[in-house]
Amino acid sequence: LSMVQPGDLVDESQVLARMDSREIRWELSGVVAEQHQALKKLDKSLASDQVANAQLSSLEADRLGHKARLLQYREENHELRSPLDGIVLSGSIEHLSSAPVKLGQPLLEIGQLDPLRLE
C-alpha cells in the first residue's frame, strides 16, 4: 500500500508504503506450532532416556526458534520509511501490487530539499 506519490513532500522516517504482512504472520504461526511440537518431542525423548532423539529435537527446536525470530523481525519491519526530508521524485508502488521485488530494486526516489546556490 503506497502512501505517497511523485511530487509529495516527505519527512524523515515518514511511512512511504506498507507491505502486506499476512503471509509472514501465517508462516510465523506455523513455525511456532512446529517449535512447540519439537519441544514436546524433546520432553518425551528426555523422559524415556533417548538421548540422540532428544538432541535432534533440541536442535530442531533451536532452528525453528531462529526462523521464528527472523519472521518476527520481518513482520515488525514491513514499512518503508523515508531516509530523509525531501520530495518524492519518482516511483510508485501501486504497480508492484502482489509482485515480487528484487533485493536492491529502487521503489521510490526521494530528493533532498536543501537550498541550492548557483553562481
N, C-alpha and C. Protein backbone atom coordinates (compact mmCIF):
# COMPACT_ATOMS: atom_id res chain seq x y z
N LEU A 1 0.85 -1.17 0.00
CA LEU A 1 0.00 0.00 0.00
C LEU A 1 0.89 1.23 0.00
N SER A 2 0.85 1.98 -1.07
CA SER A 2 1.65 3.19 -1.20
C SER A 2 0.93 4.34 -0.53
N MET A 3 1.67 5.16 0.18
CA MET A 3 1.08 6.29 0.87
C MET A 3 1.54 7.62 0.28
N VAL A 4 2.43 7.58 -0.71
CA VAL A 4 2.93 8.80 -1.34
C VAL A 4 2.97 8.62 -2.86
N GLN A 5 2.99 9.74 -3.54
CA GLN A 5 3.09 9.78 -5.00
C GLN A 5 4.19 10.76 -5.38
N PRO A 6 4.71 10.67 -6.60
CA PRO A 6 5.70 11.66 -7.04
C PRO A 6 5.15 13.08 -6.86
N GLY A 7 6.01 13.94 -6.31
CA GLY A 7 5.62 15.33 -6.03
C GLY A 7 5.26 15.58 -4.59
N ASP A 8 5.03 14.53 -3.80
CA ASP A 8 4.68 14.69 -2.39
C ASP A 8 5.91 15.04 -1.57
N LEU A 9 5.74 15.95 -0.61
CA LEU A 9 6.80 16.26 0.35
C LEU A 9 6.76 15.22 1.46
N VAL A 10 7.93 14.77 1.89
CA VAL A 10 8.01 13.76 2.95
C VAL A 10 9.00 14.20 4.01
N ASP A 11 8.76 13.74 5.21
CA ASP A 11 9.66 13.99 6.34
C ASP A 11 10.50 12.74 6.59
N GLU A 12 11.64 12.93 7.22
CA GLU A 12 12.48 11.79 7.59
C GLU A 12 11.68 10.85 8.48
N SER A 13 11.77 9.56 8.22
CA SER A 13 11.10 8.48 8.96
C SER A 13 9.60 8.38 8.67
N GLN A 14 9.08 9.20 7.77
CA GLN A 14 7.67 9.11 7.40
C GLN A 14 7.43 7.79 6.66
N VAL A 15 6.31 7.14 6.95
CA VAL A 15 5.96 5.89 6.28
C VAL A 15 5.59 6.22 4.83
N LEU A 16 6.29 5.58 3.90
CA LEU A 16 6.03 5.78 2.47
C LEU A 16 5.13 4.69 1.92
N ALA A 17 5.27 3.49 2.46
CA ALA A 17 4.48 2.35 2.00
C ALA A 17 4.48 1.26 3.05
N ARG A 18 3.47 0.42 2.98
CA ARG A 18 3.38 -0.73 3.88
C ARG A 18 3.20 -1.98 3.03
N MET A 19 3.95 -3.00 3.39
CA MET A 19 3.80 -4.29 2.72
C MET A 19 2.75 -5.10 3.47
N ASP A 20 2.05 -5.95 2.75
CA ASP A 20 1.07 -6.83 3.36
C ASP A 20 1.83 -7.92 4.11
N SER A 21 1.65 -7.99 5.41
CA SER A 21 2.41 -8.95 6.21
C SER A 21 1.59 -10.16 6.63
N ARG A 22 0.42 -10.37 6.02
CA ARG A 22 -0.41 -11.52 6.40
C ARG A 22 0.30 -12.84 6.16
N GLU A 23 0.97 -12.97 5.02
CA GLU A 23 1.67 -14.22 4.70
C GLU A 23 2.77 -14.51 5.72
N ILE A 24 3.46 -13.47 6.15
CA ILE A 24 4.51 -13.64 7.16
C ILE A 24 3.89 -14.11 8.48
N ARG A 25 2.78 -13.51 8.87
CA ARG A 25 2.11 -13.92 10.13
C ARG A 25 1.65 -15.37 10.06
N TRP A 26 1.11 -15.79 8.91
CA TRP A 26 0.68 -17.18 8.76
C TRP A 26 1.86 -18.13 8.88
N GLU A 27 2.96 -17.78 8.20
CA GLU A 27 4.15 -18.64 8.27
C GLU A 27 4.70 -18.67 9.69
N LEU A 28 4.69 -17.52 10.36
CA LEU A 28 5.17 -17.45 11.74
C LEU A 28 4.35 -18.34 12.66
N SER A 29 3.04 -18.33 12.52
CA SER A 29 2.21 -19.17 13.39
C SER A 29 2.49 -20.65 13.14
N GLY A 30 2.74 -21.03 11.88
CA GLY A 30 3.09 -22.42 11.58
C GLY A 30 4.42 -22.81 12.18
N VAL A 31 5.41 -21.92 12.10
CA VAL A 31 6.73 -22.21 12.66
C VAL A 31 6.65 -22.33 14.17
N VAL A 32 5.88 -21.47 14.82
CA VAL A 32 5.73 -21.54 16.28
C VAL A 32 5.08 -22.86 16.68
N ALA A 33 4.08 -23.30 15.92
CA ALA A 33 3.43 -24.59 16.21
C ALA A 33 4.41 -25.74 16.06
N GLU A 34 5.23 -25.70 14.99
CA GLU A 34 6.25 -26.74 14.80
C GLU A 34 7.27 -26.73 15.93
N GLN A 35 7.62 -25.54 16.40
CA GLN A 35 8.59 -25.44 17.50
C GLN A 35 8.01 -26.06 18.77
N HIS A 36 6.73 -25.83 19.04
CA HIS A 36 6.10 -26.44 20.21
C HIS A 36 6.09 -27.97 20.10
N GLN A 37 5.84 -28.47 18.89
CA GLN A 37 5.88 -29.93 18.68
C GLN A 37 7.28 -30.47 18.95
N ALA A 38 8.31 -29.76 18.48
CA ALA A 38 9.69 -30.21 18.68
C ALA A 38 10.03 -30.21 20.17
N LEU A 39 9.54 -29.21 20.90
CA LEU A 39 9.81 -29.15 22.34
C LEU A 39 9.09 -30.28 23.09
N LYS A 40 7.89 -30.63 22.65
CA LYS A 40 7.18 -31.76 23.26
C LYS A 40 7.90 -33.07 22.97
N LYS A 41 8.40 -33.19 21.73
CA LYS A 41 9.17 -34.38 21.37
C LYS A 41 10.45 -34.46 22.20
N LEU A 42 11.07 -33.31 22.45
CA LEU A 42 12.27 -33.26 23.29
C LEU A 42 11.95 -33.75 24.70
N ASP A 43 10.86 -33.24 25.27
CA ASP A 43 10.46 -33.68 26.62
C ASP A 43 10.21 -35.18 26.67
N LYS A 44 9.52 -35.69 25.66
CA LYS A 44 9.22 -37.12 25.61
C LYS A 44 10.50 -37.95 25.49
N SER A 45 11.43 -37.49 24.67
CA SER A 45 12.70 -38.21 24.50
C SER A 45 13.52 -38.20 25.78
N LEU A 46 13.53 -37.05 26.46
CA LEU A 46 14.27 -36.97 27.72
C LEU A 46 13.65 -37.88 28.79
N ALA A 47 12.32 -37.93 28.80
CA ALA A 47 11.64 -38.77 29.79
C ALA A 47 11.91 -40.26 29.57
N SER A 48 12.14 -40.64 28.32
CA SER A 48 12.38 -42.06 28.03
C SER A 48 13.86 -42.35 27.77
N ASP A 49 14.74 -41.45 28.18
CA ASP A 49 16.20 -41.61 28.08
C ASP A 49 16.68 -41.89 26.64
N GLN A 50 16.06 -41.27 25.68
CA GLN A 50 16.51 -41.38 24.29
C GLN A 50 17.33 -40.12 23.97
N VAL A 51 18.61 -40.19 24.32
CA VAL A 51 19.49 -39.03 24.24
C VAL A 51 19.66 -38.52 22.81
N ALA A 52 19.85 -39.41 21.87
CA ALA A 52 20.05 -39.00 20.47
C ALA A 52 18.81 -38.28 19.94
N ASN A 53 17.65 -38.84 20.20
CA ASN A 53 16.40 -38.19 19.76
C ASN A 53 16.20 -36.85 20.47
N ALA A 54 16.59 -36.79 21.73
CA ALA A 54 16.46 -35.54 22.49
C ALA A 54 17.35 -34.46 21.88
N GLN A 55 18.57 -34.83 21.50
CA GLN A 55 19.47 -33.85 20.89
C GLN A 55 18.93 -33.36 19.55
N LEU A 56 18.42 -34.28 18.75
CA LEU A 56 17.84 -33.89 17.46
C LEU A 56 16.64 -32.97 17.66
N SER A 57 15.81 -33.29 18.62
CA SER A 57 14.63 -32.45 18.89
C SER A 57 15.05 -31.07 19.40
N SER A 58 16.08 -31.04 20.21
CA SER A 58 16.59 -29.76 20.71
C SER A 58 17.12 -28.89 19.58
N LEU A 59 17.88 -29.50 18.67
CA LEU A 59 18.41 -28.76 17.53
C LEU A 59 17.29 -28.26 16.63
N GLU A 60 16.28 -29.09 16.43
CA GLU A 60 15.13 -28.70 15.60
C GLU A 60 14.38 -27.54 16.25
N ALA A 61 14.19 -27.59 17.56
CA ALA A 61 13.52 -26.50 18.26
C ALA A 61 14.32 -25.21 18.15
N ASP A 62 15.65 -25.31 18.27
CA ASP A 62 16.51 -24.13 18.12
C ASP A 62 16.40 -23.54 16.71
N ARG A 63 16.43 -24.42 15.70
CA ARG A 63 16.33 -23.97 14.31
C ARG A 63 15.01 -23.23 14.08
N LEU A 64 13.93 -23.81 14.58
CA LEU A 64 12.63 -23.19 14.42
C LEU A 64 12.52 -21.88 15.21
N GLY A 65 13.19 -21.80 16.34
CA GLY A 65 13.23 -20.56 17.12
C GLY A 65 13.92 -19.45 16.35
N HIS A 66 15.03 -19.78 15.68
CA HIS A 66 15.74 -18.78 14.87
C HIS A 66 14.87 -18.32 13.70
N LYS A 67 14.20 -19.27 13.07
CA LYS A 67 13.32 -18.94 11.95
C LYS A 67 12.17 -18.05 12.42
N ALA A 68 11.63 -18.34 13.60
CA ALA A 68 10.54 -17.54 14.16
C ALA A 68 11.00 -16.11 14.44
N ARG A 69 12.22 -15.96 14.97
CA ARG A 69 12.75 -14.61 15.23
C ARG A 69 12.93 -13.82 13.94
N LEU A 70 13.40 -14.49 12.89
CA LEU A 70 13.55 -13.83 11.59
C LEU A 70 12.19 -13.38 11.06
N LEU A 71 11.18 -14.24 11.15
CA LEU A 71 9.85 -13.89 10.68
C LEU A 71 9.24 -12.76 11.53
N GLN A 72 9.50 -12.76 12.83
CA GLN A 72 9.02 -11.68 13.68
C GLN A 72 9.66 -10.36 13.28
N TYR A 73 10.96 -10.40 12.98
CA TYR A 73 11.66 -9.19 12.53
C TYR A 73 11.04 -8.67 11.23
N ARG A 74 10.79 -9.57 10.30
CA ARG A 74 10.18 -9.17 9.03
C ARG A 74 8.78 -8.59 9.24
N GLU A 75 8.02 -9.19 10.14
CA GLU A 75 6.66 -8.72 10.39
C GLU A 75 6.69 -7.34 11.04
N GLU A 76 7.65 -7.11 11.93
CA GLU A 76 7.75 -5.82 12.62
C GLU A 76 8.31 -4.73 11.71
N ASN A 77 9.01 -5.10 10.65
CA ASN A 77 9.65 -4.13 9.76
C ASN A 77 9.08 -4.21 8.35
N HIS A 78 7.78 -4.12 8.25
CA HIS A 78 7.13 -4.22 6.94
C HIS A 78 6.75 -2.85 6.37
N GLU A 79 7.27 -1.79 6.98
CA GLU A 79 7.01 -0.45 6.50
C GLU A 79 8.25 0.12 5.82
N LEU A 80 8.03 0.82 4.72
CA LEU A 80 9.10 1.51 4.01
C LEU A 80 9.07 2.95 4.48
N ARG A 81 10.18 3.43 5.06
CA ARG A 81 10.23 4.79 5.62
C ARG A 81 11.22 5.65 4.86
N SER A 82 10.96 6.94 4.84
CA SER A 82 11.84 7.89 4.15
C SER A 82 13.14 8.06 4.94
N PRO A 83 14.29 7.99 4.26
CA PRO A 83 15.55 8.17 4.96
C PRO A 83 15.90 9.64 5.22
N LEU A 84 15.16 10.57 4.59
CA LEU A 84 15.48 11.99 4.73
C LEU A 84 14.26 12.85 4.43
N ASP A 85 14.36 14.13 4.81
CA ASP A 85 13.34 15.09 4.43
C ASP A 85 13.52 15.39 2.94
N GLY A 86 12.43 15.45 2.19
CA GLY A 86 12.58 15.74 0.78
C GLY A 86 11.28 15.65 0.02
N ILE A 87 11.41 15.38 -1.26
CA ILE A 87 10.28 15.28 -2.15
C ILE A 87 10.37 13.97 -2.92
N VAL A 88 9.24 13.33 -3.14
CA VAL A 88 9.23 12.09 -3.92
C VAL A 88 9.41 12.48 -5.38
N LEU A 89 10.54 12.08 -5.96
CA LEU A 89 10.85 12.43 -7.34
C LEU A 89 10.22 11.46 -8.33
N SER A 90 10.32 10.19 -8.03
CA SER A 90 9.78 9.20 -8.95
C SER A 90 9.47 7.92 -8.20
N GLY A 91 8.73 7.07 -8.89
CA GLY A 91 8.42 5.76 -8.33
C GLY A 91 6.99 5.68 -7.87
N SER A 92 6.48 4.49 -7.97
CA SER A 92 5.14 4.20 -7.50
C SER A 92 5.10 2.73 -7.12
N ILE A 93 4.52 2.45 -6.00
CA ILE A 93 4.48 1.08 -5.52
C ILE A 93 3.20 0.39 -5.97
N GLU A 94 2.21 1.16 -6.38
CA GLU A 94 0.92 0.58 -6.77
C GLU A 94 1.06 -0.43 -7.90
N HIS A 95 1.96 -0.18 -8.85
CA HIS A 95 2.10 -1.11 -9.98
C HIS A 95 2.81 -2.40 -9.57
N LEU A 96 3.38 -2.43 -8.38
CA LEU A 96 4.06 -3.63 -7.88
C LEU A 96 3.17 -4.48 -6.99
N SER A 97 1.90 -4.13 -6.89
CA SER A 97 0.99 -4.85 -6.02
C SER A 97 1.01 -6.35 -6.33
N SER A 98 1.30 -7.13 -5.34
CA SER A 98 1.36 -8.60 -5.42
C SER A 98 2.47 -9.11 -6.33
N ALA A 99 3.43 -8.28 -6.64
CA ALA A 99 4.56 -8.70 -7.47
C ALA A 99 5.80 -8.82 -6.60
N PRO A 100 6.66 -9.79 -6.89
CA PRO A 100 7.89 -9.90 -6.10
C PRO A 100 8.82 -8.72 -6.39
N VAL A 101 9.55 -8.32 -5.38
CA VAL A 101 10.51 -7.23 -5.50
C VAL A 101 11.90 -7.80 -5.30
N LYS A 102 12.83 -7.43 -6.16
CA LYS A 102 14.20 -7.91 -6.05
C LYS A 102 14.96 -7.09 -5.02
N LEU A 103 15.90 -7.72 -4.34
CA LEU A 103 16.73 -7.05 -3.37
C LEU A 103 17.50 -5.93 -4.06
N GLY A 104 17.42 -4.73 -3.52
CA GLY A 104 18.12 -3.59 -4.09
C GLY A 104 17.34 -2.86 -5.17
N GLN A 105 16.16 -3.34 -5.51
CA GLN A 105 15.34 -2.70 -6.54
C GLN A 105 14.80 -1.38 -6.00
N PRO A 106 15.05 -0.26 -6.71
CA PRO A 106 14.51 1.02 -6.22
C PRO A 106 13.00 1.07 -6.38
N LEU A 107 12.32 1.47 -5.33
CA LEU A 107 10.86 1.58 -5.37
C LEU A 107 10.42 3.03 -5.50
N LEU A 108 11.08 3.90 -4.75
CA LEU A 108 10.79 5.32 -4.76
C LEU A 108 12.12 6.08 -4.76
N GLU A 109 12.13 7.24 -5.38
CA GLU A 109 13.33 8.09 -5.36
C GLU A 109 12.96 9.37 -4.62
N ILE A 110 13.70 9.66 -3.56
CA ILE A 110 13.46 10.84 -2.74
C ILE A 110 14.60 11.83 -2.98
N GLY A 111 14.24 13.07 -3.30
CA GLY A 111 15.24 14.12 -3.50
C GLY A 111 15.28 15.03 -2.29
N GLN A 112 16.47 15.39 -1.88
CA GLN A 112 16.66 16.25 -0.72
C GLN A 112 16.33 17.69 -1.10
N LEU A 113 15.72 18.42 -0.19
CA LEU A 113 15.30 19.81 -0.45
C LEU A 113 16.22 20.80 0.23
N ASP A 114 17.50 20.64 0.12
CA ASP A 114 18.44 21.62 0.65
C ASP A 114 18.44 22.84 -0.25
N PRO A 115 18.68 24.00 0.31
CA PRO A 115 18.76 25.18 -0.58
C PRO A 115 19.91 25.03 -1.55
N LEU A 116 19.66 25.42 -2.78
CA LEU A 116 20.68 25.36 -3.82
C LEU A 116 21.27 26.75 -4.00
N ARG A 117 22.56 26.76 -4.33
CA ARG A 117 23.22 28.05 -4.58
C ARG A 117 23.87 27.96 -5.94
N LEU A 118 23.48 28.82 -6.85
CA LEU A 118 24.03 28.83 -8.18
C LEU A 118 24.90 30.05 -8.38
N GLU A 119 25.96 29.88 -9.11
CA GLU A 119 26.83 31.01 -9.43
C GLU A 119 26.88 31.21 -10.93
